[in-house]
Amino acid sequence: MRLLVIEDEVKLAQYLHKGLSENGHVVDLAHDGIEGRRLALGGDYDLVLLDLMLPGVDGFGVLSAIRAQKRQLPVLMLTARDKVEDRVRGLEQGADDYLVKPFAFSELLARVGALLRRGSTGAAQPATVLSLADLEVDLLSRRASRGHDRLDLTAKEFNLLALLLRRRGQILSRTTLAEQVWEMNFDSDTNVVEVAVRRLRAKLDDPFPAKLLHTVRGMGYVLEERA
């Protein structure tokens, strides 16, 4: 699943990014309402985690913009406000759920899972199984296979594959992969991305005649089926 976290507390945003990524999601971050609104309206997300108190445009403003354009996009509001009227207002304006800070990550993860499974009446359910050629990745069970063969992946390899598959056909730079999978700024002296890609390719491509993971020299990597 591809999630958008709109949260101005940097440490909390990074904590959510790390935890959600480790559970198989591709996560984008925004630290203010203006950027969050732009990403939410312009991106292809399965769910938005939205803080209420944001600089620029507050959470209610972002929520109103989302509901005006993307009526079925699930939104989980996060806030330190525990007043009944705030919760009621958020739900009335179209929030799908409401979680008060501080919260246990396990509860947040459960609510995210419930919203992704539930979807909206008449709306297409978010895909939990992604596929390309004979490759199949189940984001909920965190299993990957090619044909009838299970791929024995580490957590980082699975997250890397899920990111590439969600953005199949797109060339992803080493910087993007480092930021999204390892939460690190790319350092040209670090070969962590190259090593991980090499290990993933050994499991994903080497045993099979058709290759899916390709290197684009000077640009990055792309997952796609080629003739």
Protein backbone atom coordinates (compact mmCIF):
# COMPACT_ATOMS: atom_id res chain seq x y z
CA MET A 1 0.00 0.00 0.00
CA ARG A 2 1.12 3.57 -0.67
CA LEU A 3 0.46 5.88 2.27
CA LEU A 4 0.83 9.62 2.80
CA VAL A 5 1.70 10.87 6.29
CA ILE A 6 1.02 14.59 6.84
CA GLU A 7 2.59 15.40 10.20
CA ASP A 8 4.60 18.46 11.28
CA GLU A 9 6.32 16.78 14.25
CA VAL A 10 9.44 15.55 12.47
CA LYS A 11 10.34 12.83 14.99
CA LEU A 12 6.82 11.41 14.95
CA ALA A 13 6.69 11.56 11.16
CA GLN A 14 9.98 9.66 10.93
CA TYR A 15 8.76 7.12 13.49
CA LEU A 16 5.60 6.51 11.47
CA HIS A 17 7.59 6.29 8.25
CA LYS A 18 9.89 3.67 9.74
CA GLY A 19 7.14 1.57 11.32
CA LEU A 20 4.80 1.63 8.33
CA SER A 21 7.65 0.93 5.89
CA GLU A 22 8.72 -2.07 7.95
CA ASN A 23 5.18 -3.37 7.61
CA GLY A 24 5.32 -3.35 3.84
CA HIS A 25 3.93 0.08 2.95
CA VAL A 26 5.45 2.71 0.68
CA VAL A 27 5.31 5.97 2.66
CA ASP A 28 5.60 9.60 1.60
CA LEU A 29 5.92 12.43 4.14
CA ALA A 30 4.71 16.01 4.25
CA HIS A 31 5.42 18.35 7.18
CA ASP A 32 2.88 21.10 6.49
CA GLY A 33 -0.66 21.39 5.22
CA ILE A 34 0.19 23.06 1.91
CA GLU A 35 2.62 20.33 0.83
CA GLY A 36 0.35 17.64 2.27
CA ARG A 37 -2.62 18.92 0.31
CA ARG A 38 -0.56 19.05 -2.89
CA LEU A 39 0.64 15.47 -2.49
CA ALA A 40 -2.75 14.12 -1.46
CA LEU A 41 -4.50 15.64 -4.47
CA GLY A 42 -1.76 14.88 -6.97
CA GLY A 43 -0.57 11.47 -5.81
CA ASP A 44 -1.97 7.96 -6.07
CA TYR A 45 -2.40 6.99 -2.41
CA ASP A 46 -4.36 4.22 -0.70
CA LEU A 47 -4.66 6.08 2.61
CA VAL A 48 -3.73 9.41 4.24
CA LEU A 49 -2.67 9.80 7.88
CA LEU A 50 -3.47 13.44 8.61
CA ASP A 51 -2.44 15.52 11.62
CA LEU A 52 -5.00 18.10 12.69
CA MET A 53 -2.70 20.96 13.74
CA LEU A 54 -0.51 21.81 10.76
CA PRO A 55 1.27 24.96 9.59
CA GLY A 56 0.06 26.58 6.39
CA VAL A 57 -3.27 24.81 6.14
CA ASP A 58 -4.69 22.88 9.09
CA GLY A 59 -5.92 19.31 8.94
CA PHE A 60 -9.54 20.33 8.46
CA GLY A 61 -8.56 22.37 5.42
CA VAL A 62 -6.59 19.50 3.93
CA LEU A 63 -9.45 17.09 4.63
CA SER A 64 -11.96 19.39 2.91
CA ALA A 65 -9.74 19.59 -0.18
CA ILE A 66 -9.36 15.80 -0.28
CA ARG A 67 -13.09 15.22 0.05
CA ALA A 68 -13.85 17.76 -2.67
CA GLN A 69 -11.68 15.89 -5.17
CA LYS A 70 -11.11 12.34 -3.88
CA ARG A 71 -14.24 11.36 -2.04
CA GLN A 72 -13.27 7.71 -1.52
CA LEU A 73 -9.66 8.14 -0.30
CA PRO A 74 -9.49 6.87 3.32
CA VAL A 75 -8.25 9.45 5.84
CA LEU A 76 -7.12 8.66 9.39
CA MET A 77 -6.84 11.83 11.47
CA LEU A 78 -4.13 12.10 14.14
CA THR A 79 -4.33 14.77 16.82
CA ALA A 80 -3.42 15.72 20.36
CA ARG A 81 -6.90 17.24 20.75
CA ASP A 82 -9.19 14.97 22.72
CA LYS A 83 -12.29 17.16 22.72
CA VAL A 84 -15.48 15.50 21.55
CA GLU A 85 -16.33 18.44 19.29
CA ASP A 86 -13.01 18.10 17.45
CA ARG A 87 -13.59 14.41 16.82
CA VAL A 88 -17.16 15.04 15.71
CA ARG A 89 -16.08 17.83 13.36
CA GLY A 90 -13.40 15.65 11.80
CA LEU A 91 -15.80 12.77 11.23
CA GLU A 92 -18.51 15.06 9.92
CA GLN A 93 -16.08 16.57 7.40
CA GLY A 94 -15.27 13.12 6.08
CA ALA A 95 -12.50 11.56 8.17
CA ASP A 96 -12.80 7.77 8.23
CA ASP A 97 -11.23 7.35 11.67
CA TYR A 98 -9.70 9.43 14.46
CA LEU A 99 -6.74 8.56 16.68
CA VAL A 100 -5.67 10.69 19.66
CA LYS A 101 -1.98 11.21 20.49
CA PRO A 102 -0.14 9.63 22.13
CA PHE A 103 -1.10 6.27 20.67
CA ALA A 104 0.36 2.77 20.52
CA PHE A 105 1.80 2.00 17.10
CA SER A 106 0.08 -1.40 17.18
CA GLU A 107 -3.29 0.36 17.42
CA LEU A 108 -2.45 2.72 14.57
CA LEU A 109 -1.34 -0.24 12.44
CA ALA A 110 -4.58 -2.07 13.21
CA ARG A 111 -6.67 0.95 12.25
CA VAL A 112 -4.70 1.45 9.05
CA GLY A 113 -5.26 -2.20 8.17
CA ALA A 114 -8.97 -1.96 8.91
CA LEU A 115 -9.39 1.12 6.71
CA LEU A 116 -7.47 -0.46 3.85
CA ARG A 117 -9.58 -3.62 4.05
CA ARG A 118 -12.86 -1.83 4.49
CA GLY A 119 -12.71 0.60 1.60
CA SER A 120 -15.85 2.52 0.69
CA THR A 121 -19.16 1.17 -0.60
CA GLY A 122 -18.99 0.92 -4.35
CA ALA A 123 -15.30 1.77 -4.49
CA ALA A 124 -12.62 -0.56 -5.70
CA GLN A 125 -10.80 -2.25 -2.86
CA PRO A 126 -7.12 -1.29 -2.55
CA ALA A 127 -4.91 -3.96 -4.06
CA THR A 128 -3.09 -5.99 -1.44
CA VAL A 129 -1.54 -8.34 -4.01
CA LEU A 130 0.67 -6.84 -6.70
CA SER A 131 1.85 -8.75 -9.74
CA LEU A 132 4.07 -8.44 -12.77
CA ALA A 133 4.47 -11.31 -15.23
CA ASP A 134 4.83 -14.40 -12.99
CA LEU A 135 5.88 -12.31 -9.95
CA GLU A 136 3.32 -11.94 -7.17
CA VAL A 137 3.76 -9.92 -3.96
CA ASP A 138 1.24 -10.07 -1.12
CA LEU A 139 1.62 -6.87 0.90
CA LEU A 140 -0.43 -8.10 3.86
CA SER A 141 1.20 -11.50 4.37
CA ARG A 142 4.56 -10.10 3.16
CA ARG A 143 5.14 -13.01 0.82
CA ALA A 144 6.61 -12.93 -2.66
CA SER A 145 6.73 -15.65 -5.30
CA ARG A 146 7.58 -16.24 -8.94
CA GLY A 147 5.48 -18.92 -10.55
CA HIS A 148 5.17 -21.61 -7.92
CA ASP A 149 8.44 -20.70 -6.19
CA ARG A 150 8.43 -18.73 -2.93
CA LEU A 151 11.10 -16.03 -2.73
CA ASP A 152 12.96 -16.06 0.58
CA LEU A 153 13.44 -12.33 1.14
CA THR A 154 14.72 -10.34 4.10
CA ALA A 155 12.56 -7.49 5.40
CA LYS A 156 14.61 -4.88 3.51
CA GLU A 157 14.59 -6.94 0.30
CA PHE A 158 10.80 -7.27 0.55
CA ASN A 159 10.38 -3.52 1.08
CA LEU A 160 12.70 -2.81 -1.84
CA LEU A 161 10.77 -5.18 -4.11
CA ALA A 162 7.41 -3.77 -2.99
CA LEU A 163 8.56 -0.22 -3.76
CA LEU A 164 9.86 -1.19 -7.19
CA LEU A 165 6.66 -3.11 -7.94
CA ARG A 166 4.36 -0.31 -6.81
CA ARG A 167 6.25 1.95 -9.21
CA ARG A 168 6.86 -0.62 -11.93
CA GLY A 169 7.95 0.88 -15.19
CA GLN A 170 9.42 3.91 -13.41
CA ILE A 171 13.16 4.38 -13.06
CA LEU A 172 13.95 4.85 -9.36
CA SER A 173 17.24 6.48 -8.47
CA ARG A 174 19.59 5.18 -5.79
CA THR A 175 18.71 8.28 -3.76
CA THR A 176 14.99 7.48 -3.87
CA LEU A 177 15.61 3.87 -2.87
CA ALA A 178 17.92 4.89 -0.02
CA GLU A 179 15.41 7.40 1.32
CA GLN A 180 12.33 5.17 0.97
CA VAL A 181 13.74 1.81 2.09
CA TRP A 182 16.59 2.73 4.45
CA GLU A 183 15.44 6.23 5.54
CA MET A 184 18.89 7.59 4.84
CA ASN A 185 20.29 10.37 2.70
CA PHE A 186 22.20 8.90 -0.20
CA ASP A 187 25.95 8.91 0.29
CA SER A 188 28.00 8.22 -2.83
CA ASP A 189 30.50 6.35 -0.66
CA THR A 190 27.79 3.93 0.53
CA ASN A 191 26.98 0.91 -1.62
CA VAL A 192 24.06 -0.34 0.48
CA VAL A 193 21.61 0.09 -2.40
CA GLU A 194 23.80 -1.70 -4.93
CA VAL A 195 24.39 -4.60 -2.52
CA ALA A 196 20.69 -4.94 -1.75
CA VAL A 197 19.73 -4.82 -5.44
CA ARG A 198 22.34 -7.46 -6.23
CA ARG A 199 21.02 -9.76 -3.50
CA LEU A 200 17.41 -9.19 -4.56
CA ARG A 201 18.27 -9.88 -8.20
CA ALA A 202 19.95 -13.16 -7.20
CA LYS A 203 16.64 -14.34 -5.74
CA LEU A 204 14.21 -12.60 -8.08
CA ASP A 205 15.86 -13.01 -11.49
CA ASP A 206 18.85 -15.34 -11.52
CA PRO A 207 16.85 -18.62 -11.19
CA PHE A 208 14.41 -17.59 -13.94
CA PRO A 209 14.84 -17.06 -17.70
CA ALA A 210 12.81 -13.82 -17.82
CA LYS A 211 14.49 -10.91 -16.05
CA LEU A 212 12.38 -8.25 -14.34
CA LEU A 213 14.84 -6.05 -12.42
CA HIS A 214 16.93 -3.89 -14.73
CA THR A 215 19.72 -1.39 -14.21
CA VAL A 216 19.48 1.86 -16.15
CA ARG A 217 23.03 3.12 -16.31
CA GLY A 218 23.52 6.48 -14.64
CA MET A 219 19.88 6.70 -13.55
CA GLY A 220 18.89 3.83 -11.25
CA TYR A 221 16.72 0.71 -11.41
CA VAL A 222 13.39 -0.26 -12.92
CA LEU A 223 11.14 -3.28 -12.47
CA GLU A 224 9.41 -4.15 -15.73
CA GLU A 225 8.75 -6.98 -18.17
CA ARG A 226 10.83 -6.74 -21.30
CA ALA A 227 10.54 -8.73 -24.51
